[in-house]
Amino acid sequence: MQIVVNGEVREILSECTVFQLLENQAVTLKAAVVELNGKILTQEHWQSTLLQTGDRLEILIFMGGG
């Protein structure tokens, strides 16, 4: 199925959760914020939220530095 991640169309397997997608993308989970279809999705819902065809995700990763 197709979803949009940070503005790019991606093909993913069906029955994929937000958590699984982040793990597959090697995202540092503690530093990430996820917006799903225009709404912030809290980390407590990542493992239970199944992605659907046409979903739009924005993944933001905070980085330290100075």
C-alpha atoms as a PDB file:
ATOM      1  CA  MET A   1       0.000   0.000   0.000  1.00  0.00           C
ATOM      2  CA  GLN A   2       1.100   3.576  -0.504  1.00  0.00           C
ATOM      3  CA  ILE A   3       1.569   6.191   2.189  1.00  0.00           C
ATOM      4  CA  VAL A   4       3.324   9.556   2.213  1.00  0.00           C
ATOM      5  CA  VAL A   5       6.268  10.045   4.578  1.00  0.00           C
ATOM      6  CA  ASN A   6       7.765  13.539   4.851  1.00  0.00           C
ATOM      7  CA  GLY A   7       6.316  14.411   1.450  1.00  0.00           C
ATOM      8  CA  GLU A   8       7.552  11.277  -0.353  1.00  0.00           C
ATOM      9  CA  VAL A   9       5.297   8.461  -1.558  1.00  0.00           C
ATOM     10  CA  ARG A  10       6.387   5.136  -0.081  1.00  0.00           C
ATOM     11  CA  GLU A  11       5.247   1.582  -0.684  1.00  0.00           C
ATOM     12  CA  ILE A  12       4.902  -0.434   2.538  1.00  0.00           C
ATOM     13  CA  LEU A  13       3.628  -3.834   3.536  1.00  0.00           C
ATOM     14  CA  SER A  14       0.079  -4.025   4.816  1.00  0.00           C
ATOM     15  CA  GLU A  15      -0.504  -4.389   8.557  1.00  0.00           C
ATOM     16  CA  CYS A  16       2.352  -2.071   9.445  1.00  0.00           C
ATOM     17  CA  THR A  17       2.189   0.044  12.597  1.00  0.00           C
ATOM     18  CA  VAL A  18       3.749   3.463  13.032  1.00  0.00           C
ATOM     19  CA  PHE A  19       6.258   1.866  15.427  1.00  0.00           C
ATOM     20  CA  GLN A  20       7.282  -0.768  12.859  1.00  0.00           C
ATOM     21  CA  LEU A  21       7.743   1.878  10.179  1.00  0.00           C
ATOM     22  CA  LEU A  22       9.964   3.947  12.466  1.00  0.00           C
ATOM     23  CA  GLU A  23      12.050   0.903  13.380  1.00  0.00           C
ATOM     24  CA  ASN A  24      12.464  -0.005   9.691  1.00  0.00           C
ATOM     25  CA  GLN A  25      13.624   3.551   8.990  1.00  0.00           C
ATOM     26  CA  ALA A  26      16.164   3.340  11.869  1.00  0.00           C
ATOM     27  CA  VAL A  27      14.605   6.364  13.568  1.00  0.00           C
ATOM     28  CA  THR A  28      15.869   7.222  17.050  1.00  0.00           C
ATOM     29  CA  LEU A  29      12.564   6.700  18.819  1.00  0.00           C
ATOM     30  CA  LYS A  30      13.280   8.815  21.902  1.00  0.00           C
ATOM     31  CA  ALA A  31      14.020  11.855  19.745  1.00  0.00           C
ATOM     32  CA  ALA A  32      11.118  11.539  17.291  1.00  0.00           C
ATOM     33  CA  VAL A  33       7.761  13.235  16.943  1.00  0.00           C
ATOM     34  CA  VAL A  34       5.175  11.835  14.540  1.00  0.00           C
ATOM     35  CA  GLU A  35       2.315  13.684  12.889  1.00  0.00           C
ATOM     36  CA  LEU A  36      -0.276  11.404  11.271  1.00  0.00           C
ATOM     37  CA  ASN A  37      -2.771  13.000   8.891  1.00  0.00           C
ATOM     38  CA  GLY A  38      -2.242  16.431  10.425  1.00  0.00           C
ATOM     39  CA  LYS A  39      -2.409  15.413  14.105  1.00  0.00           C
ATOM     40  CA  ILE A  40       0.402  14.685  16.550  1.00  0.00           C
ATOM     41  CA  LEU A  41       0.474  10.993  17.455  1.00  0.00           C
ATOM     42  CA  THR A  42       1.839  10.389  20.947  1.00  0.00           C
ATOM     43  CA  GLN A  43       4.417   7.647  21.452  1.00  0.00           C
ATOM     44  CA  GLU A  44       2.003   5.584  23.529  1.00  0.00           C
ATOM     45  CA  HIS A  45      -0.091   5.051  20.366  1.00  0.00           C
ATOM     46  CA  TRP A  46       2.717   4.184  17.918  1.00  0.00           C
ATOM     47  CA  GLN A  47       2.524   0.417  18.486  1.00  0.00           C
ATOM     48  CA  SER A  48      -1.266   0.245  18.236  1.00  0.00           C
ATOM     49  CA  THR A  49      -1.781   2.537  15.235  1.00  0.00           C
ATOM     50  CA  LEU A  50      -1.992   0.640  11.947  1.00  0.00           C
ATOM     51  CA  LEU A  51      -1.133   2.587   8.827  1.00  0.00           C
ATOM     52  CA  GLN A  52      -3.752   2.796   6.093  1.00  0.00           C
ATOM     53  CA  THR A  53      -3.470   3.453   2.368  1.00  0.00           C
ATOM     54  CA  GLY A  54      -3.133   7.192   1.770  1.00  0.00           C
ATOM     55  CA  ASP A  55      -1.955   8.072   5.295  1.00  0.00           C
ATOM     56  CA  ARG A  56       0.368  11.070   5.516  1.00  0.00           C
ATOM     57  CA  LEU A  57       3.148  11.037   8.103  1.00  0.00           C
ATOM     58  CA  GLU A  58       5.592  13.723   9.056  1.00  0.00           C
ATOM     59  CA  ILE A  59       8.482  12.439  11.135  1.00  0.00           C
ATOM     60  CA  LEU A  60      10.558  15.000  13.000  1.00  0.00           C
ATOM     61  CA  ILE A  61      13.763  14.042  14.753  1.00  0.00           C
ATOM     62  CA  PHE A  62      15.329  16.328  17.331  1.00  0.00           C
ATOM     63  CA  MET A  63      19.106  16.534  17.312  1.00  0.00           C
ATOM     64  CA  GLY A  64      21.394  17.938  19.957  1.00  0.00           C
ATOM     65  CA  GLY A  65      24.287  20.151  19.206  1.00  0.00           C
ATOM     66  CA  GLY A  66      25.555  23.583  19.679  1.00  0.00           C
END
